[in-house]
Protein backbone atom coordinates (compact mmCIF):
# COMPACT_ATOMS: atom_id res chain seq x y z
CA MET A 1 0.01 -0.01 0.04
CA ILE A 2 1.48 3.17 -1.16
CA MET A 3 0.64 6.54 0.28
CA GLY A 4 0.18 9.93 -1.46
CA LEU A 5 2.10 13.32 -1.05
CA SER A 6 3.42 14.10 2.33
CA GLY A 7 1.57 11.11 3.94
CA SER A 8 3.14 8.48 6.33
CA LEU A 9 2.02 5.10 6.87
CA LYS A 10 -0.30 6.16 9.53
CA ALA A 11 -2.72 7.91 6.92
CA TRP A 12 -4.11 4.31 5.87
CA PHE A 13 -5.51 4.33 9.59
CA ARG A 14 -9.08 4.24 7.98
CA LEU A 15 -8.65 1.41 5.33
CA LEU A 16 -6.14 -0.81 6.89
CA PRO A 17 -8.49 -2.46 9.42
CA HIS A 18 -10.56 -3.54 6.74
CA VAL A 19 -7.87 -4.81 4.43
CA ARG A 20 -6.66 -6.61 7.19
CA ARG A 21 -9.60 -8.48 7.89
CA GLU A 22 -9.06 -10.71 5.10
CA HIS A 23 -5.65 -9.85 3.98
CA ARG A 24 -1.75 -9.63 4.78
CA ALA A 25 -1.26 -5.72 4.14
CA ILE A 26 2.15 -4.34 3.90
CA VAL A 27 2.72 -0.61 4.58
CA PHE A 28 5.63 1.71 4.88
CA ASP A 29 6.42 5.51 5.24
CA ASN A 30 7.70 7.00 2.11
CA ARG A 31 10.88 8.65 2.08
CA GLY A 32 11.05 11.69 4.17
CA THR A 33 7.52 10.88 5.80
CA GLY A 34 7.23 9.13 9.24
CA ASP A 35 10.39 7.06 10.69
CA SER A 36 11.98 6.92 7.24
CA ASP A 37 15.02 8.90 6.40
CA ARG A 38 14.87 12.27 5.31
CA VAL A 39 15.00 13.92 1.70
CA THR A 40 18.06 15.52 1.02
CA GLY A 41 17.79 15.99 -2.67
CA PRO A 42 15.68 15.68 -5.97
CA LEU A 43 13.22 12.76 -5.64
CA SER A 44 11.86 10.71 -9.00
CA MET A 45 9.39 8.12 -9.70
CA SER A 46 12.09 5.75 -10.11
CA ASP A 47 13.31 6.59 -6.51
CA MET A 48 10.08 5.73 -4.98
CA VAL A 49 9.44 2.73 -7.15
CA GLY A 50 12.80 1.66 -5.61
CA ASP A 51 11.81 2.05 -2.15
CA ALA A 52 8.67 0.16 -2.31
CA LEU A 53 10.82 -2.91 -3.97
CA ALA A 54 13.07 -2.60 -1.00
CA VAL A 55 10.00 -2.82 1.37
CA LEU A 56 8.72 -5.97 -0.76
CA ASP A 57 12.17 -7.42 -0.62
CA ALA A 58 12.66 -6.76 3.27
CA ALA A 59 9.17 -8.43 3.70
CA GLY A 60 10.05 -11.36 1.69
CA VAL A 61 7.50 -10.84 -0.86
CA GLU A 62 8.07 -11.80 -4.40
CA GLN A 63 4.63 -10.79 -5.80
CA ALA A 64 1.88 -8.39 -4.38
CA HIS A 65 -1.60 -6.52 -4.99
CA VAL A 66 -0.56 -3.06 -4.99
CA VAL A 67 -2.87 -0.32 -3.61
CA GLY A 68 -1.77 3.31 -4.40
CA VAL A 69 -3.56 6.53 -3.84
CA SER A 70 -2.59 9.99 -5.11
CA MET A 71 1.15 10.34 -5.57
CA GLY A 72 1.18 6.66 -4.29
CA GLY A 73 -1.01 5.31 -7.38
CA MET A 74 1.62 6.99 -9.63
CA VAL A 75 4.26 5.37 -8.13
CA ALA A 76 2.15 2.08 -8.16
CA GLN A 77 1.76 2.90 -12.19
CA HIS A 78 5.70 2.99 -12.71
CA LEU A 79 6.24 -0.15 -10.33
CA ALA A 80 3.98 -2.16 -12.39
CA LEU A 81 5.12 -0.90 -15.89
CA ASP A 82 9.05 -1.33 -14.85
CA HIS A 83 8.36 -4.46 -12.71
CA ARG A 84 5.57 -6.31 -13.93
CA ASP A 85 6.90 -9.68 -12.28
CA ARG A 86 6.25 -7.97 -8.63
CA VAL A 87 2.79 -7.00 -9.20
CA ARG A 88 -0.31 -9.11 -9.04
CA SER A 89 -2.79 -6.51 -9.45
CA LEU A 90 -3.23 -2.52 -9.00
CA LEU A 91 -5.61 -0.68 -7.35
CA LEU A 92 -5.35 3.12 -8.14
CA GLY A 93 -7.08 5.69 -6.14
CA CYS A 94 -7.68 9.31 -6.86
CA THR A 95 -4.71 9.41 -9.26
CA THR A 96 -3.67 10.25 -12.93
CA PRO A 97 -1.69 9.00 -15.81
CA GLY A 98 -0.19 12.54 -15.65
CA GLY A 99 1.49 14.54 -18.70
CA ALA A 100 -0.51 16.93 -20.26
CA SER A 101 -3.40 15.73 -18.21
CA LEU A 102 -1.89 16.49 -15.06
CA SER A 103 -3.33 19.46 -13.67
CA SER A 104 -0.96 22.35 -12.03
CA PRO A 105 -0.89 21.77 -8.38
CA SER A 106 -3.63 23.11 -6.67
CA TRP A 107 -2.91 26.83 -5.34
CA ARG A 108 -4.28 25.87 -2.13
CA LEU A 109 -1.84 23.04 -1.58
CA LEU A 110 1.17 25.29 -2.73
CA ALA A 111 0.22 27.78 -0.38
CA SER A 112 -0.51 25.75 2.67
CA THR A 113 2.64 23.88 2.11
CA ALA A 114 4.59 27.20 1.99
CA LEU A 115 2.95 28.69 5.03
CA ARG A 116 3.04 25.39 7.35
CA PRO A 117 6.56 26.19 8.84
CA LEU A 118 5.52 29.81 9.33
CA VAL A 119 2.17 29.49 11.07
CA GLY A 120 2.02 25.95 11.46
CA PRO A 121 -0.65 23.18 10.28
CA THR A 122 -3.63 24.08 12.46
CA ARG A 123 -3.59 27.56 10.91
CA THR A 124 -3.03 26.30 7.15
CA PHE A 125 -5.26 23.23 6.86
CA PRO A 126 -8.33 25.10 6.48
CA LEU A 127 -6.70 26.44 3.33
CA VAL A 128 -6.28 23.24 1.77
CA ALA A 129 -9.32 21.59 3.10
CA PRO A 130 -11.46 22.43 0.10
CA ALA A 131 -9.24 20.85 -2.28
CA LEU A 132 -8.95 17.73 -0.35
CA TYR A 133 -12.66 16.97 1.04
CA ALA A 134 -16.20 16.95 -0.59
CA GLY A 135 -18.34 19.52 0.90
CA ARG A 136 -20.71 17.18 2.58
CA THR A 137 -17.76 16.02 4.58
CA ARG A 138 -16.84 19.36 5.77
CA ARG A 139 -20.34 20.34 6.64
CA GLU A 140 -21.53 17.23 8.18
CA HIS A 141 -18.55 15.24 9.64
CA PRO A 142 -16.16 17.83 10.94
CA ASP A 143 -14.70 15.16 13.43
CA ARG A 144 -13.23 13.22 10.41
CA VAL A 145 -11.67 16.28 9.07
CA ARG A 146 -10.06 17.00 12.40
CA ALA A 147 -8.73 13.40 13.14
CA ASP A 148 -6.93 13.99 9.62
CA LEU A 149 -5.39 17.33 11.01
CA GLU A 150 -4.33 15.85 14.02
CA LEU A 151 -2.43 12.89 11.91
CA ARG A 152 -0.81 15.70 9.99
CA ILE A 153 0.23 17.26 13.05
CA SER A 154 1.85 14.02 14.22
CA ASP A 155 3.61 13.34 11.07
CA ALA A 156 4.87 16.80 10.85
CA THR A 157 6.32 16.35 7.33
CA ASP A 158 8.96 18.56 6.43
CA PRO A 159 7.85 20.75 3.39
CA ARG A 160 11.11 19.86 1.40
CA THR A 161 9.85 16.39 1.35
CA SER A 162 6.55 17.67 -0.14
CA TYR A 163 8.34 19.97 -2.60
CA ALA A 164 10.56 16.83 -3.76
CA GLN A 165 7.38 14.75 -4.01
CA MET A 166 5.79 17.40 -6.03
CA ALA A 167 8.81 17.97 -8.40
CA ALA A 168 8.40 13.92 -9.23
CA ILE A 169 4.81 14.36 -9.66
CA ALA A 170 5.22 16.91 -12.23
CA ARG A 171 7.43 14.62 -14.27
CA HIS A 172 4.98 11.96 -13.90
CA ASP A 173 3.66 10.72 -17.49
CA THR A 174 2.62 6.98 -18.16
CA ARG A 175 0.15 7.54 -20.82
CA ALA A 176 2.10 5.99 -23.75
CA ARG A 177 3.02 2.95 -21.67
CA LEU A 178 -0.38 2.14 -20.02
CA PRO A 179 -1.63 -0.28 -22.85
CA GLU A 180 1.35 -2.49 -21.64
CA LEU A 181 -0.68 -3.36 -18.61
CA ALA A 182 -3.37 -5.33 -20.42
CA ALA A 183 -4.21 -8.67 -18.74
CA LEU A 184 -3.29 -7.08 -15.30
CA PRO A 185 -6.40 -6.80 -13.01
CA VAL A 186 -6.59 -3.02 -12.42
CA THR A 187 -9.15 -0.91 -10.65
CA VAL A 188 -9.53 2.85 -10.85
CA LEU A 189 -11.19 4.38 -8.00
CA HIS A 190 -12.25 7.93 -7.84
CA GLY A 191 -14.37 10.15 -5.64
CA GLU A 192 -16.63 12.32 -8.11
CA GLU A 193 -16.02 15.55 -6.27
CA ASP A 194 -12.27 15.07 -6.27
CA ALA A 195 -11.11 18.95 -6.46
CA LEU A 196 -7.30 18.13 -6.29
CA VAL A 197 -7.23 15.39 -9.22
CA PRO A 198 -10.57 15.78 -11.03
CA VAL A 199 -12.59 12.68 -11.68
CA ALA A 200 -11.94 13.06 -15.58
CA ARG A 201 -8.05 11.92 -14.61
CA GLY A 202 -9.27 8.69 -13.17
CA ARG A 203 -11.73 8.24 -16.32
CA GLU A 204 -8.58 8.81 -18.79
CA LEU A 205 -6.54 6.48 -16.49
CA ALA A 206 -9.05 3.74 -16.72
CA LYS A 207 -9.67 4.14 -20.42
CA LEU A 208 -5.75 3.86 -21.22
CA ILE A 209 -5.42 0.61 -19.30
CA PRO A 210 -6.92 -2.35 -21.33
CA GLY A 211 -9.62 -3.90 -19.24
CA ALA A 212 -9.28 -1.52 -16.42
CA ARG A 213 -12.35 -1.00 -13.93
CA LEU A 214 -13.52 2.17 -13.21
CA VAL A 215 -15.40 2.67 -9.81
CA THR A 216 -16.62 6.30 -9.08
CA ILE A 217 -18.06 7.48 -5.65
CA PRO A 218 -20.72 10.19 -5.18
CA GLU A 219 -20.18 13.05 -2.87
CA CYS A 220 -16.61 11.90 -2.42
CA GLY A 221 -13.34 14.25 -2.75
CA HIS A 222 -9.55 13.51 -2.96
CA MET A 223 -9.35 11.83 0.64
CA LEU A 224 -11.47 8.91 -0.40
CA THR A 225 -11.73 7.10 3.04
CA THR A 226 -12.26 10.23 4.85
CA ASP A 227 -15.16 10.97 2.65
CA ALA A 228 -16.57 7.70 2.05
CA GLU A 229 -14.99 4.97 4.00
CA GLU A 230 -17.33 2.26 3.68
CA GLN A 231 -17.72 2.83 -0.07
CA ALA A 232 -13.93 2.80 -0.59
CA ALA A 233 -12.94 -0.05 1.43
CA ALA A 234 -15.73 -1.98 -0.34
CA ALA A 235 -14.37 -1.22 -3.66
CA VAL A 236 -10.66 -2.34 -2.35
CA LEU A 237 -11.73 -5.55 -1.13
CA GLU A 238 -13.75 -6.37 -4.05
CA HIS A 239 -10.74 -5.53 -6.21
CA LEU A 240 -8.42 -8.00 -4.00
CA ALA A 241 -11.12 -10.72 -4.00
CA GLY A 242 -11.62 -10.68 -8.02
CA ALA A 243 -7.75 -10.12 -8.21
CA THR A 244 -7.04 -13.10 -6.19
CA THR A 245 -9.39 -15.36 -7.81
CA ALA A 246 -8.14 -14.42 -11.25
CA HIS A 247 -4.54 -15.24 -10.17
CA SER A 248 -5.37 -18.44 -8.65
CA ARG A 249 -6.98 -19.58 -11.58
CA ALA A 250 -4.08 -18.66 -13.92
CA ALA A 251 -1.87 -20.27 -11.29
């Protein structure tokens, strides 16, 4: 399971209990987050793919179902394209094939990242929240948004990590290669109210991968499991069940 921009493994706290009821789940801190080593220079998608492979090797896993969200979904695409033998299936959440279809970083995201060292995450979080959450969640479930804020505060990810990751995201473009993933079980999961990575990007991603299944969730923004925990978890578990069955038949 590969987390997105600035997030540590703790950001899986809503989805992880659902997955662990039926599957072994491997989570890790992306470089520069959580307990991992600090980012000291530029980052590329290849760097992050290498980190994911090192985690699989350390866990003694030759091949895994890979779940990636946002930036983690981009890393997952490169992992599957460059190391197909290590990937059993893909669940790509709230992400994009990149290239010309990749929107410029949200001004809210850029501003909150720049201001965070000066005024702290508590004061910058309201600035970025509209880019991350559906309106209904912000209105009716502020407790869930508050829990995410507390997690961000505890993570205290260095802005240098966020900027290095953003630079890697800006260079991400798998559009020409995605047809290579034909016959790999792939589900693309996207919130219909995602303001950070519009749902059109998810539709494009699914269209570019032969046989990919697209699942969209109404009244859901970028933070899939905050806005729609049960629906998102159900989609992930349905994907894993189908991909596991397909792998067993092929074996």
